[in-house]
Amino acid sequence: MSKQRPGATADDRAVPFPEEAIPPGSFSRDDEAEVLRRLVEGTVRSTGEGFFRSLVRNLSLAVGSAYCFVAEFAGSETRVRTLAFWGRGGFLDNIE
């Protein structure tokens, strides 16, 4: 069963993963299918901001990355703002 931090919402639940994530640089077709399956399972019940939070959390866990974010352009092609930001094992404040 996955652990939730205090104050977590249903959208913050992570799909339970094995102890070790898929090592970077070693994705096979089966690994890619497994990552996709994990992302779908981790985001299927989420919408809006909760979807992006679930996406970055589950993507980071699935591929073993320390950080993951989703961003949008912020008024110009040279500025972005994050919609969801995961790092250091938790959600980080959005930045621009």
PDB file of N, CA and C in Angstrom:
ATOM      1  N   MET A   1       0.839  -1.179   0.000  1.00  0.00           N
ATOM      2  CA  MET A   1       0.000   0.000   0.000  1.00  0.00           C
ATOM      3  C   MET A   1       0.884   1.242   0.000  1.00  0.00           C
ATOM      4  N   SER A   2       0.506   2.251  -0.780  1.00  0.00           N
ATOM      5  CA  SER A   2       1.313   3.470  -0.848  1.00  0.00           C
ATOM      6  C   SER A   2       1.042   4.351   0.352  1.00  0.00           C
ATOM      7  N   LYS A   3       2.074   5.068   0.762  1.00  0.00           N
ATOM      8  CA  LYS A   3       1.961   5.983   1.889  1.00  0.00           C
ATOM      9  C   LYS A   3       1.492   7.334   1.392  1.00  0.00           C
ATOM     10  N   GLN A   4       0.740   8.036   2.229  1.00  0.00           N
ATOM     11  CA  GLN A   4       0.335   9.390   1.907  1.00  0.00           C
ATOM     12  C   GLN A   4       0.890  10.314   2.959  1.00  0.00           C
ATOM     13  N   ARG A   5       1.296  11.486   2.544  1.00  0.00           N
ATOM     14  CA  ARG A   5       1.759  12.472   3.510  1.00  0.00           C
ATOM     15  C   ARG A   5       0.546  13.133   4.133  1.00  0.00           C
ATOM     16  N   PRO A   6       0.674  13.712   5.328  1.00  0.00           N
ATOM     17  CA  PRO A   6      -0.458  14.382   5.958  1.00  0.00           C
ATOM     18  C   PRO A   6      -1.028  15.450   5.041  1.00  0.00           C
ATOM     19  N   GLY A   7      -2.352  15.515   4.958  1.00  0.00           N
ATOM     20  CA  GLY A   7      -3.015  16.509   4.132  1.00  0.00           C
ATOM     21  C   GLY A   7      -3.095  16.136   2.665  1.00  0.00           C
ATOM     22  N   ALA A   8      -2.655  14.935   2.297  1.00  0.00           N
ATOM     23  CA  ALA A   8      -2.702  14.522   0.900  1.00  0.00           C
ATOM     24  C   ALA A   8      -4.146  14.307   0.478  1.00  0.00           C
ATOM     25  N   THR A   9      -4.431  14.583  -0.780  1.00  0.00           N
ATOM     26  CA  THR A   9      -5.765  14.360  -1.320  1.00  0.00           C
ATOM     27  C   THR A   9      -5.770  13.061  -2.093  1.00  0.00           C
ATOM     28  N   ALA A  10      -6.950  12.654  -2.536  1.00  0.00           N
ATOM     29  CA  ALA A  10      -7.049  11.439  -3.337  1.00  0.00           C
ATOM     30  C   ALA A  10      -6.216  11.560  -4.606  1.00  0.00           C
ATOM     31  N   ASP A  11      -6.092  12.767  -5.156  1.00  0.00           N
ATOM     32  CA  ASP A  11      -5.307  12.964  -6.368  1.00  0.00           C
ATOM     33  C   ASP A  11      -3.815  12.821  -6.121  1.00  0.00           C
ATOM     34  N   ASP A  12      -3.373  12.866  -4.866  1.00  0.00           N
ATOM     35  CA  ASP A  12      -1.956  12.772  -4.532  1.00  0.00           C
ATOM     36  C   ASP A  12      -1.490  11.333  -4.330  1.00  0.00           C
ATOM     37  N   ARG A  13      -2.390  10.364  -4.428  1.00  0.00           N
ATOM     38  CA  ARG A  13      -1.997   8.971  -4.223  1.00  0.00           C
ATOM     39  C   ARG A  13      -1.072   8.516  -5.340  1.00  0.00           C
ATOM     40  N   ALA A  14      -0.058   7.791  -4.963  1.00  0.00           N
ATOM     41  CA  ALA A  14       0.844   7.219  -5.970  1.00  0.00           C
ATOM     42  C   ALA A  14       0.527   5.744  -6.122  1.00  0.00           C
ATOM     43  N   VAL A  15       0.701   5.252  -7.310  1.00  0.00           N
ATOM     44  CA  VAL A  15       0.565   3.826  -7.546  1.00  0.00           C
ATOM     45  C   VAL A  15       1.753   3.150  -6.887  1.00  0.00           C
ATOM     46  N   PRO A  16       1.536   2.068  -6.110  1.00  0.00           N
ATOM     47  CA  PRO A  16       2.671   1.389  -5.483  1.00  0.00           C
ATOM     48  C   PRO A  16       3.625   0.849  -6.554  1.00  0.00           C
ATOM     49  N   PHE A  17       4.911   1.062  -6.348  1.00  0.00           N
ATOM     50  CA  PHE A  17       5.929   0.603  -7.283  1.00  0.00           C
ATOM     51  C   PHE A  17       6.863  -0.359  -6.568  1.00  0.00           C
ATOM     52  N   PRO A  18       7.575  -1.180  -7.349  1.00  0.00           N
ATOM     53  CA  PRO A  18       8.594  -2.023  -6.728  1.00  0.00           C
ATOM     54  C   PRO A  18       9.641  -1.148  -6.049  1.00  0.00           C
ATOM     55  N   GLU A  19      10.456  -1.751  -5.218  1.00  0.00           N
ATOM     56  CA  GLU A  19      11.472  -1.010  -4.470  1.00  0.00           C
ATOM     57  C   GLU A  19      12.397  -0.203  -5.378  1.00  0.00           C
ATOM     58  N   GLU A  20      12.701  -0.719  -6.542  1.00  0.00           N
ATOM     59  CA  GLU A  20      13.603  -0.013  -7.447  1.00  0.00           C
ATOM     60  C   GLU A  20      12.848   0.410  -8.694  1.00  0.00           C
ATOM     61  N   ALA A  21      13.008   1.661  -9.080  1.00  0.00           N
ATOM     62  CA  ALA A  21      12.417   2.145 -10.324  1.00  0.00           C
ATOM     63  C   ALA A  21      13.238   1.614 -11.496  1.00  0.00           C
ATOM     64  N   ILE A  22      12.709   1.761 -12.680  1.00  0.00           N
ATOM     65  CA  ILE A  22      13.415   1.325 -13.880  1.00  0.00           C
ATOM     66  C   ILE A  22      14.667   2.180 -14.047  1.00  0.00           C
ATOM     67  N   PRO A  23      15.847   1.574 -14.133  1.00  0.00           N
ATOM     68  CA  PRO A  23      17.078   2.369 -14.256  1.00  0.00           C
ATOM     69  C   PRO A  23      17.072   3.216 -15.527  1.00  0.00           C
ATOM     70  N   PRO A  24      17.444   4.497 -15.423  1.00  0.00           N
ATOM     71  CA  PRO A  24      17.496   5.352 -16.610  1.00  0.00           C
ATOM     72  C   PRO A  24      18.425   4.770 -17.667  1.00  0.00           C
ATOM     73  N   GLY A  25      18.044   4.924 -18.931  1.00  0.00           N
ATOM     74  CA  GLY A  25      18.874   4.463 -20.032  1.00  0.00           C
ATOM     75  C   GLY A  25      18.741   2.991 -20.352  1.00  0.00           C
ATOM     76  N   SER A  26      17.873   2.283 -19.654  1.00  0.00           N
ATOM     77  CA  SER A  26      17.759   0.851 -19.916  1.00  0.00           C
ATOM     78  C   SER A  26      16.330   0.443 -20.259  1.00  0.00           C
ATOM     79  N   PHE A  27      15.585   1.332 -20.883  1.00  0.00           N
ATOM     80  CA  PHE A  27      14.191   1.033 -21.223  1.00  0.00           C
ATOM     81  C   PHE A  27      14.099   0.109 -22.429  1.00  0.00           C
ATOM     82  N   SER A  28      13.412  -0.990 -22.251  1.00  0.00           N
ATOM     83  CA  SER A  28      13.065  -1.862 -23.363  1.00  0.00           C
ATOM     84  C   SER A  28      11.613  -1.553 -23.732  1.00  0.00           C
ATOM     85  N   ARG A  29      11.103  -2.203 -24.744  1.00  0.00           N
ATOM     86  CA  ARG A  29       9.690  -2.022 -25.109  1.00  0.00           C
ATOM     87  C   ARG A  29       8.790  -2.424 -23.944  1.00  0.00           C
ATOM     88  N   ASP A  30       9.146  -3.488 -23.243  1.00  0.00           N
ATOM     89  CA  ASP A  30       8.358  -3.915 -22.087  1.00  0.00           C
ATOM     90  C   ASP A  30       8.419  -2.877 -20.976  1.00  0.00           C
ATOM     91  N   ASP A  31       9.606  -2.294 -20.757  1.00  0.00           N
ATOM     92  CA  ASP A  31       9.748  -1.245 -19.743  1.00  0.00           C
ATOM     93  C   ASP A  31       8.874  -0.047 -20.090  1.00  0.00           C
ATOM     94  N   GLU A  32       8.889   0.351 -21.369  1.00  0.00           N
ATOM     95  CA  GLU A  32       8.078   1.486 -21.796  1.00  0.00           C
ATOM     96  C   GLU A  32       6.602   1.216 -21.559  1.00  0.00           C
ATOM     97  N   ALA A  33       6.163   0.003 -21.850  1.00  0.00           N
ATOM     98  CA  ALA A  33       4.766  -0.362 -21.615  1.00  0.00           C
ATOM     99  C   ALA A  33       4.445  -0.320 -20.122  1.00  0.00           C
ATOM    100  N   GLU A  34       5.378  -0.743 -19.287  1.00  0.00           N
ATOM    101  CA  GLU A  34       5.180  -0.719 -17.836  1.00  0.00           C
ATOM    102  C   GLU A  34       5.088   0.714 -17.322  1.00  0.00           C
ATOM    103  N   VAL A  35       5.939   1.604 -17.814  1.00  0.00           N
ATOM    104  CA  VAL A  35       5.878   3.012 -17.411  1.00  0.00           C
ATOM    105  C   VAL A  35       4.528   3.598 -17.807  1.00  0.00           C
ATOM    106  N   LEU A  36       4.087   3.327 -19.018  1.00  0.00           N
ATOM    107  CA  LEU A  36       2.792   3.834 -19.470  1.00  0.00           C
ATOM    108  C   LEU A  36       1.665   3.291 -18.598  1.00  0.00           C
ATOM    109  N   ARG A  37       1.710   2.008 -18.277  1.00  0.00           N
ATOM    110  CA  ARG A  37       0.679   1.410 -17.421  1.00  0.00           C
ATOM    111  C   ARG A  37       0.648   2.102 -16.061  1.00  0.00           C
ATOM    112  N   ARG A  38       1.820   2.348 -15.483  1.00  0.00           N
ATOM    113  CA  ARG A  38       1.900   3.010 -14.181  1.00  0.00           C
ATOM    114  C   ARG A  38       1.339   4.427 -14.241  1.00  0.00           C
ATOM    115  N   LEU A  39       1.644   5.143 -15.323  1.00  0.00           N
ATOM    116  CA  LEU A  39       1.133   6.510 -15.459  1.00  0.00           C
ATOM    117  C   LEU A  39      -0.383   6.522 -15.572  1.00  0.00           C
ATOM    118  N   VAL A  40      -0.919   5.616 -16.362  1.00  0.00           N
ATOM    119  CA  VAL A  40      -2.375   5.547 -16.508  1.00  0.00           C
ATOM    120  C   VAL A  40      -3.021   5.208 -15.175  1.00  0.00           C
ATOM    121  N   GLU A  41      -2.510   4.210 -14.481  1.00  0.00           N
ATOM    122  CA  GLU A  41      -3.080   3.835 -13.188  1.00  0.00           C
ATOM    123  C   GLU A  41      -2.966   4.959 -12.170  1.00  0.00           C
ATOM    124  N   GLY A  42      -1.891   5.727 -12.239  1.00  0.00           N
ATOM    125  CA  GLY A  42      -1.673   6.791 -11.270  1.00  0.00           C
ATOM    126  C   GLY A  42      -2.447   8.061 -11.544  1.00  0.00           C
ATOM    127  N   THR A  43      -2.959   8.218 -12.759  1.00  0.00           N
ATOM    128  CA  THR A  43      -3.634   9.472 -13.109  1.00  0.00           C
ATOM    129  C   THR A  43      -5.085   9.299 -13.517  1.00  0.00           C
ATOM    130  N   VAL A  44      -5.560   8.095 -13.654  1.00  0.00           N
ATOM    131  CA  VAL A  44      -6.885   7.835 -14.218  1.00  0.00           C
ATOM    132  C   VAL A  44      -8.020   8.515 -13.447  1.00  0.00           C
ATOM    133  N   ARG A  45      -7.888   8.700 -12.162  1.00  0.00           N
ATOM    134  CA  ARG A  45      -8.964   9.285 -11.359  1.00  0.00           C
ATOM    135  C   ARG A  45      -8.800  10.789 -11.150  1.00  0.00           C
ATOM    136  N   SER A  46      -7.816  11.383 -11.773  1.00  0.00           N
ATOM    137  CA  SER A  46      -7.495  12.784 -11.515  1.00  0.00           C
ATOM    138  C   SER A  46      -7.922  13.684 -12.670  1.00  0.00           C
ATOM    139  N   THR A  47      -8.293  14.915 -12.325  1.00  0.00           N
ATOM    140  CA  THR A  47      -8.612  15.928 -13.327  1.00  0.00           C
ATOM    141  C   THR A  47      -8.016  17.259 -12.887  1.00  0.00           C
ATOM    142  N   GLY A  48      -7.922  18.188 -13.826  1.00  0.00           N
ATOM    143  CA  GLY A  48      -7.448  19.529 -13.499  1.00  0.00           C
ATOM    144  C   GLY A  48      -6.058  19.526 -12.890  1.00  0.00           C
ATOM    145  N   GLU A  49      -5.864  20.371 -11.879  1.00  0.00           N
ATOM    146  CA  GLU A  49      -4.563  20.488 -11.212  1.00  0.00           C
ATOM    147  C   GLU A  49      -4.139  19.154 -10.602  1.00  0.00           C
ATOM    148  N   GLY A  50      -5.097  18.409 -10.067  1.00  0.00           N
ATOM    149  CA  GLY A  50      -4.790  17.109  -9.482  1.00  0.00           C
ATOM    150  C   GLY A  50      -4.199  16.139 -10.491  1.00  0.00           C
ATOM    151  N   PHE A  51      -4.642  16.231 -11.752  1.00  0.00           N
ATOM    152  CA  PHE A  51      -4.090  15.374 -12.799  1.00  0.00           C
ATOM    153  C   PHE A  51      -2.603  15.657 -12.985  1.00  0.00           C
ATOM    154  N   PHE A  52      -2.243  16.937 -13.086  1.00  0.00           N
ATOM    155  CA  PHE A  52      -0.835  17.285 -13.294  1.00  0.00           C
ATOM    156  C   PHE A  52       0.019  16.876 -12.100  1.00  0.00           C
ATOM    157  N   ARG A  53      -0.503  17.035 -10.885  1.00  0.00           N
ATOM    158  CA  ARG A  53       0.232  16.611  -9.690  1.00  0.00           C
ATOM    159  C   ARG A  53       0.451  15.100  -9.711  1.00  0.00           C
ATOM    160  N   SER A  54      -0.601  14.350 -10.019  1.00  0.00           N
ATOM    161  CA  SER A  54      -0.468  12.894 -10.105  1.00  0.00           C
ATOM    162  C   SER A  54       0.503  12.497 -11.206  1.00  0.00           C
ATOM    163  N   LEU A  55       0.435  13.189 -12.341  1.00  0.00           N
ATOM    164  CA  LEU A  55       1.309  12.880 -13.467  1.00  0.00           C
ATOM    165  C   LEU A  55       2.777  13.051 -13.104  1.00  0.00           C
ATOM    166  N   VAL A  56       3.152  14.198 -12.532  1.00  0.00           N
ATOM    167  CA  VAL A  56       4.575  14.416 -12.238  1.00  0.00           C
ATOM    168  C   VAL A  56       5.076  13.468 -11.162  1.00  0.00           C
ATOM    169  N   ARG A  57       4.248  13.204 -10.173  1.00  0.00           N
ATOM    170  CA  ARG A  57       4.661  12.280  -9.109  1.00  0.00           C
ATOM    171  C   ARG A  57       4.875  10.876  -9.667  1.00  0.00           C
ATOM    172  N   ASN A  58       3.880  10.372 -10.380  1.00  0.00           N
ATOM    173  CA  ASN A  58       3.968   9.011 -10.887  1.00  0.00           C
ATOM    174  C   ASN A  58       5.011   8.859 -11.984  1.00  0.00           C
ATOM    175  N   LEU A  59       5.209   9.869 -12.813  1.00  0.00           N
ATOM    176  CA  LEU A  59       6.255   9.801 -13.834  1.00  0.00           C
ATOM    177  C   LEU A  59       7.636   9.763 -13.184  1.00  0.00           C
ATOM    178  N   SER A  60       7.850  10.601 -12.190  1.00  0.00           N
ATOM    179  CA  SER A  60       9.130  10.612 -11.487  1.00  0.00           C
ATOM    180  C   SER A  60       9.418   9.257 -10.849  1.00  0.00           C
ATOM    181  N   LEU A  61       8.425   8.694 -10.187  1.00  0.00           N
ATOM    182  CA  LEU A  61       8.608   7.392  -9.547  1.00  0.00           C
ATOM    183  C   LEU A  61       8.803   6.279 -10.572  1.00  0.00           C
ATOM    184  N   ALA A  62       8.076   6.341 -11.677  1.00  0.00           N
ATOM    185  CA  ALA A  62       8.147   5.273 -12.675  1.00  0.00           C
ATOM    186  C   ALA A  62       9.494   5.213 -13.373  1.00  0.00           C
ATOM    187  N   VAL A  63      10.098   6.366 -13.634  1.00  0.00           N
ATOM    188  CA  VAL A  63      11.373   6.362 -14.368  1.00  0.00           C
ATOM    189  C   VAL A  63      12.573   6.595 -13.464  1.00  0.00           C
ATOM    190  N   GLY A  64      12.335   6.793 -12.176  1.00  0.00           N
ATOM    191  CA  GLY A  64      13.431   6.939 -11.233  1.00  0.00           C
ATOM    192  C   GLY A  64      14.120   8.286 -11.270  1.00  0.00           C
ATOM    193  N   SER A  65      13.402   9.338 -11.670  1.00  0.00           N
ATOM    194  CA  SER A  65      14.019  10.668 -11.700  1.00  0.00           C
ATOM    195  C   SER A  65      13.789  11.392 -10.376  1.00  0.00           C
ATOM    196  N   ALA A  66      14.717  12.257 -10.013  1.00  0.00           N
ATOM    197  CA  ALA A  66      14.596  13.008  -8.766  1.00  0.00           C
ATOM    198  C   ALA A  66      13.587  14.139  -8.887  1.00  0.00           C
ATOM    199  N   TYR A  67      13.445  14.695 -10.081  1.00  0.00           N
ATOM    200  CA  TYR A  67      12.559  15.838 -10.304  1.00  0.00           C
ATOM    201  C   TYR A  67      11.710  15.613 -11.547  1.00  0.00           C
ATOM    202  N   CYS A  68      10.526  16.202 -11.543  1.00  0.00           N
ATOM    203  CA  CYS A  68       9.653  16.165 -12.706  1.00  0.00           C
ATOM    204  C   CYS A  68       8.706  17.353 -12.602  1.00  0.00           C
ATOM    205  N   PHE A  69       8.405  17.979 -13.730  1.00  0.00           N
ATOM    206  CA  PHE A  69       7.451  19.088 -13.707  1.00  0.00           C
ATOM    207  C   PHE A  69       6.690  19.172 -15.016  1.00  0.00           C
ATOM    208  N   VAL A  70       5.535  19.821 -14.957  1.00  0.00           N
ATOM    209  CA  VAL A  70       4.742  20.184 -16.126  1.00  0.00           C
ATOM    210  C   VAL A  70       4.644  21.695 -16.092  1.00  0.00           C
ATOM    211  N   ALA A  71       4.889  22.333 -17.239  1.00  0.00           N
ATOM    212  CA  ALA A  71       4.865  23.796 -17.292  1.00  0.00           C
ATOM    213  C   ALA A  71       4.086  24.264 -18.513  1.00  0.00           C
ATOM    214  N   GLU A  72       3.693  25.540 -18.473  1.00  0.00           N
ATOM    215  CA  GLU A  72       3.031  26.174 -19.607  1.00  0.00           C
ATOM    216  C   GLU A  72       3.740  27.493 -19.894  1.00  0.00           C
ATOM    217  N   PHE A  73       3.614  27.968 -21.119  1.00  0.00           N
ATOM    218  CA  PHE A  73       4.171  29.278 -21.436  1.00  0.00           C
ATOM    219  C   PHE A  73       3.449  30.332 -20.622  1.00  0.00           C
ATOM    220  N   ALA A  74       4.207  31.320 -20.148  1.00  0.00           N
ATOM    221  CA  ALA A  74       3.661  32.364 -19.276  1.00  0.00           C
ATOM    222  C   ALA A  74       3.725  33.719 -19.980  1.00  0.00           C
ATOM    223  N   GLY A  75       2.906  33.890 -21.003  1.00  0.00           N
ATOM    224  CA  GLY A  75       2.819  35.178 -21.670  1.00  0.00           C
ATOM    225  C   GLY A  75       3.811  35.414 -22.787  1.00  0.00           C
ATOM    226  N   SER A  76       4.847  34.606 -22.879  1.00  0.00           N
ATOM    227  CA  SER A  76       5.811  34.728 -23.980  1.00  0.00           C
ATOM    228  C   SER A  76       6.475  33.371 -24.189  1.00  0.00           C
ATOM    229  N   GLU A  77       7.204  33.270 -25.279  1.00  0.00           N
ATOM    230  CA  GLU A  77       7.881  32.005 -25.582  1.00  0.00           C
ATOM    231  C   GLU A  77       9.159  31.812 -24.786  1.00  0.00           C
ATOM    232  N   THR A  78       9.542  32.789 -23.986  1.00  0.00           N
ATOM    233  CA  THR A  78      10.771  32.680 -23.199  1.00  0.00           C
ATOM    234  C   THR A  78      10.502  32.551 -21.709  1.00  0.00           C
ATOM    235  N   ARG A  79       9.234  32.512 -21.316  1.00  0.00           N
ATOM    236  CA  ARG A  79       8.877  32.368 -19.896  1.00  0.00           C
ATOM    237  C   ARG A  79       7.904  31.206 -19.741  1.00  0.00           C
ATOM    238  N   VAL A  80       8.124  30.418 -18.692  1.00  0.00           N
ATOM    239  CA  VAL A  80       7.197  29.334 -18.369  1.00  0.00           C
ATOM    240  C   VAL A  80       6.844  29.394 -16.892  1.00  0.00           C
ATOM    241  N   ARG A  81       5.716  28.799 -16.557  1.00  0.00           N
ATOM    242  CA  ARG A  81       5.339  28.630 -15.148  1.00  0.00           C
ATOM    243  C   ARG A  81       4.940  27.169 -14.966  1.00  0.00           C
ATOM    244  N   THR A  82       5.352  26.610 -13.848  1.00  0.00           N
ATOM    245  CA  THR A  82       5.018  25.213 -13.593  1.00  0.00           C
ATOM    246  C   THR A  82       3.570  25.097 -13.142  1.00  0.00           C
ATOM    247  N   LEU A  83       2.941  24.008 -13.560  1.00  0.00           N
ATOM    248  CA  LEU A  83       1.589  23.665 -13.130  1.00  0.00           C
ATOM    249  C   LEU A  83       1.640  22.624 -12.024  1.00  0.00           C
ATOM    250  N   ALA A  84       2.703  21.838 -12.031  1.00  0.00           N
ATOM    251  CA  ALA A  84       2.952  20.833 -10.998  1.00  0.00           C
ATOM    252  C   ALA A  84       4.454  20.570 -10.982  1.00  0.00           C
ATOM    253  N   PHE A  85       5.014  20.458  -9.781  1.00  0.00           N
ATOM    254  CA  PHE A  85       6.466  20.336  -9.628  1.00  0.00           C
ATOM    255  C   PHE A  85       6.737  19.325  -8.521  1.00  0.00           C
ATOM    256  N   TRP A  86       7.427  18.235  -8.850  1.00  0.00           N
ATOM    257  CA  TRP A  86       7.762  17.170  -7.903  1.00  0.00           C
ATOM    258  C   TRP A  86       9.276  17.088  -7.781  1.00  0.00           C
ATOM    259  N   GLY A  87       9.783  17.001  -6.564  1.00  0.00           N
ATOM    260  CA  GLY A  87      11.213  16.833  -6.356  1.00  0.00           C
ATOM    261  C   GLY A  87      11.515  16.583  -4.899  1.00  0.00           C
ATOM    262  N   ARG A  88      12.663  15.950  -4.649  1.00  0.00           N
ATOM    263  CA  ARG A  88      13.084  15.637  -3.280  1.00  0.00           C
ATOM    264  C   ARG A  88      12.011  14.859  -2.516  1.00  0.00           C
ATOM    265  N   GLY A  89      11.263  14.008  -3.232  1.00  0.00           N
ATOM    266  CA  GLY A  89      10.279  13.149  -2.590  1.00  0.00           C
ATOM    267  C   GLY A  89       8.963  13.810  -2.238  1.00  0.00           C
ATOM    268  N   GLY A  90       8.688  14.993  -2.777  1.00  0.00           N
ATOM    269  CA  GLY A  90       7.423  15.655  -2.482  1.00  0.00           C
ATOM    270  C   GLY A  90       7.118  16.747  -3.489  1.00  0.00           C
ATOM    271  N   PHE A  91       5.945  17.333  -3.339  1.00  0.00           N
ATOM    272  CA  PHE A  91       5.562  18.427  -4.220  1.00  0.00           C
ATOM    273  C   PHE A  91       6.287  19.695  -3.807  1.00  0.00           C
ATOM    274  N   LEU A  92       6.763  20.434  -4.794  1.00  0.00           N
ATOM    275  CA  LEU A  92       7.448  21.700  -4.566  1.00  0.00           C
ATOM    276  C   LEU A  92       6.535  22.834  -5.011  1.00  0.00           C
ATOM    277  N   ASP A  93       6.807  24.032  -4.510  1.00  0.00           N
ATOM    278  CA  ASP A  93       6.037  25.198  -4.929  1.00  0.00           C
ATOM    279  C   ASP A  93       6.240  25.427  -6.417  1.00  0.00           C
ATOM    280  N   ASN A  94       5.176  25.816  -7.094  1.00  0.00           N
ATOM    281  CA  ASN A  94       5.287  26.155  -8.506  1.00  0.00           C
ATOM    282  C   ASN A  94       6.147  27.400  -8.665  1.00  0.00           C
ATOM    283  N   ILE A  95       6.851  27.464  -9.779  1.00  0.00           N
ATOM    284  CA  ILE A  95       7.745  28.593 -10.053  1.00  0.00           C
ATOM    285  C   ILE A  95       7.456  29.152 -11.437  1.00  0.00           C
ATOM    286  N   GLU A  96       7.941  30.365 -11.672  1.00  0.00           N
ATOM    287  CA  GLU A  96       7.823  30.986 -12.989  1.00  0.00           C
ATOM    288  C   GLU A  96       9.174  31.539 -13.380  1.00  0.00           C
TER     289      GLU A  96
END
